[in-house]
């Protein structure tokens, strides 16, 4: 009987430990994105020099393809905001069509901390969700994305 209780308690611990389980990021439909707006926020501010707009459909879809498959887990909105406030952050904001619509929520966006931690508040286009954070730091992926879109800030 003690063995059964021991095994059940181990299973329960494993299940509780998996409640904040990892998942793999999937973004669909990539072809919906017509514009990518990238902005770096340094010391809680930004400028035109730290901003770039991309309209090349192939580049935009490649950015989305590169981040797809990242292992992510849930975090709270407060944790996400604290992380973004604590370091310089890159914002990648996607819109449909060739223009960003002011005052309207973007259909997809993600943020990358300077150390390569990715933060997501969308599960796909037009699908806001509770925030996700990458399980691992991907500094090299951030550099690949910056090279791909031609930014040096």
C-alpha atoms as a PDB file:
ATOM      1  CA  UNK A   1       0.000   0.000   0.000  1.00  0.00           C
ATOM      2  CA  UNK A   2       2.876   2.371   0.797  1.00  0.00           C
ATOM      3  CA  UNK A   3       4.344   1.701  -2.672  1.00  0.00           C
ATOM      4  CA  UNK A   4       1.061   2.682  -4.323  1.00  0.00           C
ATOM      5  CA  UNK A   5       0.864   5.891  -2.275  1.00  0.00           C
ATOM      6  CA  UNK A   6       4.499   6.663  -3.117  1.00  0.00           C
ATOM      7  CA  UNK A   7       3.903   6.136  -6.844  1.00  0.00           C
ATOM      8  CA  UNK A   8       0.701   8.194  -6.774  1.00  0.00           C
ATOM      9  CA  UNK A   9       2.433  11.051  -4.961  1.00  0.00           C
ATOM     10  CA  UNK A  10       5.258  11.031  -7.541  1.00  0.00           C
ATOM     11  CA  UNK A  11       2.713  11.089 -10.388  1.00  0.00           C
ATOM     12  CA  UNK A  12       0.877  13.959  -8.722  1.00  0.00           C
ATOM     13  CA  UNK A  13       4.131  15.932  -8.392  1.00  0.00           C
ATOM     14  CA  UNK A  14       4.901  15.317 -12.045  1.00  0.00           C
ATOM     15  CA  UNK A  15       1.445  16.464 -13.118  1.00  0.00           C
ATOM     16  CA  UNK A  16       1.626  19.602 -10.986  1.00  0.00           C
ATOM     17  CA  UNK A  17       5.086  20.307 -12.363  1.00  0.00           C
ATOM     18  CA  UNK A  18       3.692  20.078 -15.901  1.00  0.00           C
ATOM     19  CA  UNK A  19       0.868  22.550 -15.321  1.00  0.00           C
ATOM     20  CA  UNK A  20       3.077  25.348 -16.644  1.00  0.00           C
ATOM     21  CA  UNK A  21       4.258  23.057 -19.398  1.00  0.00           C
ATOM     22  CA  UNK A  22       6.263  24.033 -22.396  1.00  0.00           C
ATOM     23  CA  UNK A  23       4.686  24.325 -25.790  1.00  0.00           C
ATOM     24  CA  UNK A  24       5.981  24.907 -29.287  1.00  0.00           C
ATOM     25  CA  UNK A  25       5.212  28.206 -30.997  1.00  0.00           C
ATOM     26  CA  UNK A  26       3.264  27.947 -34.269  1.00  0.00           C
ATOM     27  CA  UNK A  27       2.256  30.981 -36.325  1.00  0.00           C
ATOM     28  CA  UNK A  28      -0.475  30.782 -38.954  1.00  0.00           C
ATOM     29  CA  UNK A  29      -1.235  32.168 -41.446  1.00  0.00           C
ATOM     30  CA  UNK A  30       2.107  33.852 -42.143  1.00  0.00           C
ATOM     31  CA  UNK A  31       0.970  35.266 -45.483  1.00  0.00           C
ATOM     32  CA  UNK A  32      -1.470  37.571 -43.648  1.00  0.00           C
ATOM     33  CA  UNK A  33       1.388  39.876 -42.658  1.00  0.00           C
ATOM     34  CA  UNK A  34       1.897  42.700 -45.149  1.00  0.00           C
ATOM     35  CA  UNK A  35       4.070  45.024 -43.066  1.00  0.00           C
ATOM     36  CA  UNK A  36       6.610  44.482 -40.309  1.00  0.00           C
ATOM     37  CA  UNK A  37       7.380  47.412 -38.037  1.00  0.00           C
ATOM     38  CA  UNK A  38      10.508  47.003 -35.882  1.00  0.00           C
ATOM     39  CA  UNK A  39      11.382  49.380 -33.087  1.00  0.00           C
ATOM     40  CA  UNK A  40      14.046  49.246 -30.399  1.00  0.00           C
ATOM     41  CA  UNK A  41      13.154  50.703 -27.022  1.00  0.00           C
ATOM     42  CA  UNK A  42      16.180  51.912 -25.069  1.00  0.00           C
ATOM     43  CA  UNK A  43      15.822  53.285 -21.533  1.00  0.00           C
ATOM     44  CA  UNK A  44      12.024  53.321 -21.971  1.00  0.00           C
ATOM     45  CA  UNK A  45      12.163  55.557 -25.075  1.00  0.00           C
ATOM     46  CA  UNK A  46      12.637  55.194 -28.804  1.00  0.00           C
ATOM     47  CA  UNK A  47      13.283  57.356 -31.833  1.00  0.00           C
ATOM     48  CA  UNK A  48      12.977  57.317 -35.598  1.00  0.00           C
ATOM     49  CA  UNK A  49      16.604  56.129 -35.809  1.00  0.00           C
ATOM     50  CA  UNK A  50      15.594  53.024 -33.849  1.00  0.00           C
ATOM     51  CA  UNK A  51      12.682  52.217 -36.150  1.00  0.00           C
ATOM     52  CA  UNK A  52      12.361  50.355 -39.437  1.00  0.00           C
ATOM     53  CA  UNK A  53       9.402  49.318 -41.577  1.00  0.00           C
ATOM     54  CA  UNK A  54       9.585  46.244 -43.839  1.00  0.00           C
ATOM     55  CA  UNK A  55       7.188  45.554 -46.734  1.00  0.00           C
ATOM     56  CA  UNK A  56       9.034  42.686 -48.437  1.00  0.00           C
ATOM     57  CA  UNK A  57       6.683  39.692 -48.111  1.00  0.00           C
ATOM     58  CA  UNK A  58       9.480  37.116 -48.300  1.00  0.00           C
ATOM     59  CA  UNK A  59      11.462  38.810 -45.519  1.00  0.00           C
ATOM     60  CA  UNK A  60       8.371  39.072 -43.327  1.00  0.00           C
ATOM     61  CA  UNK A  61       7.468  35.412 -43.776  1.00  0.00           C
ATOM     62  CA  UNK A  62      11.093  34.394 -43.129  1.00  0.00           C
ATOM     63  CA  UNK A  63      11.061  36.294 -39.813  1.00  0.00           C
ATOM     64  CA  UNK A  64       7.908  34.419 -38.815  1.00  0.00           C
ATOM     65  CA  UNK A  65       9.370  31.095 -39.965  1.00  0.00           C
ATOM     66  CA  UNK A  66      12.551  31.647 -37.933  1.00  0.00           C
ATOM     67  CA  UNK A  67      10.654  32.149 -34.663  1.00  0.00           C
ATOM     68  CA  UNK A  68       8.229  29.315 -35.281  1.00  0.00           C
ATOM     69  CA  UNK A  69       9.104  26.225 -33.298  1.00  0.00           C
ATOM     70  CA  UNK A  70      10.550  28.058 -30.295  1.00  0.00           C
ATOM     71  CA  UNK A  71       9.794  26.375 -26.965  1.00  0.00           C
ATOM     72  CA  UNK A  72       7.695  28.699 -24.818  1.00  0.00           C
ATOM     73  CA  UNK A  73       5.906  28.677 -21.482  1.00  0.00           C
ATOM     74  CA  UNK A  74       3.271  30.885 -19.873  1.00  0.00           C
ATOM     75  CA  UNK A  75       4.084  33.918 -17.745  1.00  0.00           C
ATOM     76  CA  UNK A  76       1.886  36.610 -16.240  1.00  0.00           C
ATOM     77  CA  UNK A  77       1.314  39.966 -17.909  1.00  0.00           C
ATOM     78  CA  UNK A  78       3.015  41.652 -14.948  1.00  0.00           C
ATOM     79  CA  UNK A  79       6.110  39.460 -15.342  1.00  0.00           C
ATOM     80  CA  UNK A  80       6.210  40.253 -19.048  1.00  0.00           C
ATOM     81  CA  UNK A  81       6.022  43.997 -18.406  1.00  0.00           C
ATOM     82  CA  UNK A  82       8.701  43.800 -15.693  1.00  0.00           C
ATOM     83  CA  UNK A  83      11.060  41.987 -18.064  1.00  0.00           C
ATOM     84  CA  UNK A  84      10.446  44.511 -20.843  1.00  0.00           C
ATOM     85  CA  UNK A  85      11.056  47.437 -18.474  1.00  0.00           C
ATOM     86  CA  UNK A  86      14.287  45.950 -17.126  1.00  0.00           C
ATOM     87  CA  UNK A  87      16.260  45.959 -20.400  1.00  0.00           C
ATOM     88  CA  UNK A  88      16.311  47.275 -23.947  1.00  0.00           C
ATOM     89  CA  UNK A  89      13.658  45.572 -26.059  1.00  0.00           C
ATOM     90  CA  UNK A  90      12.987  45.030 -29.753  1.00  0.00           C
ATOM     91  CA  UNK A  91       9.330  45.171 -30.804  1.00  0.00           C
ATOM     92  CA  UNK A  92       8.301  43.289 -33.956  1.00  0.00           C
ATOM     93  CA  UNK A  93       4.786  44.365 -34.931  1.00  0.00           C
ATOM     94  CA  UNK A  94       3.004  42.911 -37.963  1.00  0.00           C
ATOM     95  CA  UNK A  95       0.014  44.341 -39.780  1.00  0.00           C
ATOM     96  CA  UNK A  96      -2.150  43.285 -42.663  1.00  0.00           C
ATOM     97  CA  UNK A  97      -1.694  45.392 -45.767  1.00  0.00           C
ATOM     98  CA  UNK A  98       0.985  47.976 -46.374  1.00  0.00           C
ATOM     99  CA  UNK A  99       0.172  50.411 -43.572  1.00  0.00           C
ATOM    100  CA  UNK A 100       0.132  50.338 -39.803  1.00  0.00           C
ATOM    101  CA  UNK A 101      -3.262  51.414 -38.548  1.00  0.00           C
ATOM    102  CA  UNK A 102      -2.973  53.805 -35.620  1.00  0.00           C
ATOM    103  CA  UNK A 103      -5.319  53.106 -32.750  1.00  0.00           C
ATOM    104  CA  UNK A 104      -6.008  49.567 -33.926  1.00  0.00           C
ATOM    105  CA  UNK A 105      -4.462  46.516 -32.286  1.00  0.00           C
ATOM    106  CA  UNK A 106      -1.900  44.767 -34.467  1.00  0.00           C
ATOM    107  CA  UNK A 107      -2.905  41.292 -35.645  1.00  0.00           C
ATOM    108  CA  UNK A 108       0.451  39.863 -34.450  1.00  0.00           C
ATOM    109  CA  UNK A 109       3.475  41.076 -32.500  1.00  0.00           C
ATOM    110  CA  UNK A 110       6.322  39.835 -30.369  1.00  0.00           C
ATOM    111  CA  UNK A 111       9.094  41.369 -28.305  1.00  0.00           C
ATOM    112  CA  UNK A 112      12.703  40.347 -27.880  1.00  0.00           C
ATOM    113  CA  UNK A 113      14.809  41.375 -24.928  1.00  0.00           C
ATOM    114  CA  UNK A 114      18.378  42.363 -25.697  1.00  0.00           C
ATOM    115  CA  UNK A 115      19.629  39.059 -24.243  1.00  0.00           C
ATOM    116  CA  UNK A 116      17.572  37.035 -26.758  1.00  0.00           C
ATOM    117  CA  UNK A 117      14.539  36.213 -24.614  1.00  0.00           C
ATOM    118  CA  UNK A 118      11.409  36.225 -26.803  1.00  0.00           C
ATOM    119  CA  UNK A 119       8.017  37.312 -25.426  1.00  0.00           C
ATOM    120  CA  UNK A 120       4.704  36.627 -27.168  1.00  0.00           C
ATOM    121  CA  UNK A 121       1.196  37.865 -26.430  1.00  0.00           C
ATOM    122  CA  UNK A 122      -0.358  36.245 -29.509  1.00  0.00           C
ATOM    123  CA  UNK A 123      -0.738  32.586 -30.409  1.00  0.00           C
ATOM    124  CA  UNK A 124      -1.205  33.426 -34.095  1.00  0.00           C
ATOM    125  CA  UNK A 125      -2.664  36.164 -36.270  1.00  0.00           C
ATOM    126  CA  UNK A 126      -5.641  37.869 -34.639  1.00  0.00           C
ATOM    127  CA  UNK A 127      -5.272  35.532 -31.643  1.00  0.00           C
ATOM    128  CA  UNK A 128      -4.265  37.468 -28.511  1.00  0.00           C
ATOM    129  CA  UNK A 129      -3.514  35.247 -25.547  1.00  0.00           C
ATOM    130  CA  UNK A 130      -1.855  35.130 -22.168  1.00  0.00           C
ATOM    131  CA  UNK A 131       1.851  35.992 -22.508  1.00  0.00           C
ATOM    132  CA  UNK A 132       4.449  33.381 -23.358  1.00  0.00           C
ATOM    133  CA  UNK A 133       8.207  33.494 -22.842  1.00  0.00           C
ATOM    134  CA  UNK A 134      10.865  31.376 -24.474  1.00  0.00           C
ATOM    135  CA  UNK A 135      12.221  28.624 -22.281  1.00  0.00           C
ATOM    136  CA  UNK A 136      15.761  29.334 -23.514  1.00  0.00           C
ATOM    137  CA  UNK A 137      17.602  32.505 -24.478  1.00  0.00           C
ATOM    138  CA  UNK A 138      18.138  32.885 -28.247  1.00  0.00           C
ATOM    139  CA  UNK A 139      20.695  35.661 -28.631  1.00  0.00           C
ATOM    140  CA  UNK A 140      21.925  34.201 -31.934  1.00  0.00           C
ATOM    141  CA  UNK A 141      18.367  34.157 -33.316  1.00  0.00           C
ATOM    142  CA  UNK A 142      17.954  37.840 -32.453  1.00  0.00           C
ATOM    143  CA  UNK A 143      21.163  38.569 -34.384  1.00  0.00           C
ATOM    144  CA  UNK A 144      19.889  36.481 -37.341  1.00  0.00           C
ATOM    145  CA  UNK A 145      16.635  38.461 -37.384  1.00  0.00           C
ATOM    146  CA  UNK A 146      18.491  41.778 -37.239  1.00  0.00           C
ATOM    147  CA  UNK A 147      20.726  40.672 -40.133  1.00  0.00           C
ATOM    148  CA  UNK A 148      17.748  39.422 -42.131  1.00  0.00           C
ATOM    149  CA  UNK A 149      15.902  42.749 -41.943  1.00  0.00           C
ATOM    150  CA  UNK A 150      19.062  44.873 -42.129  1.00  0.00           C
ATOM    151  CA  UNK A 151      19.012  46.673 -38.805  1.00  0.00           C
ATOM    152  CA  UNK A 152      22.098  47.682 -36.869  1.00  0.00           C
ATOM    153  CA  UNK A 153      20.448  49.222 -33.850  1.00  0.00           C
END
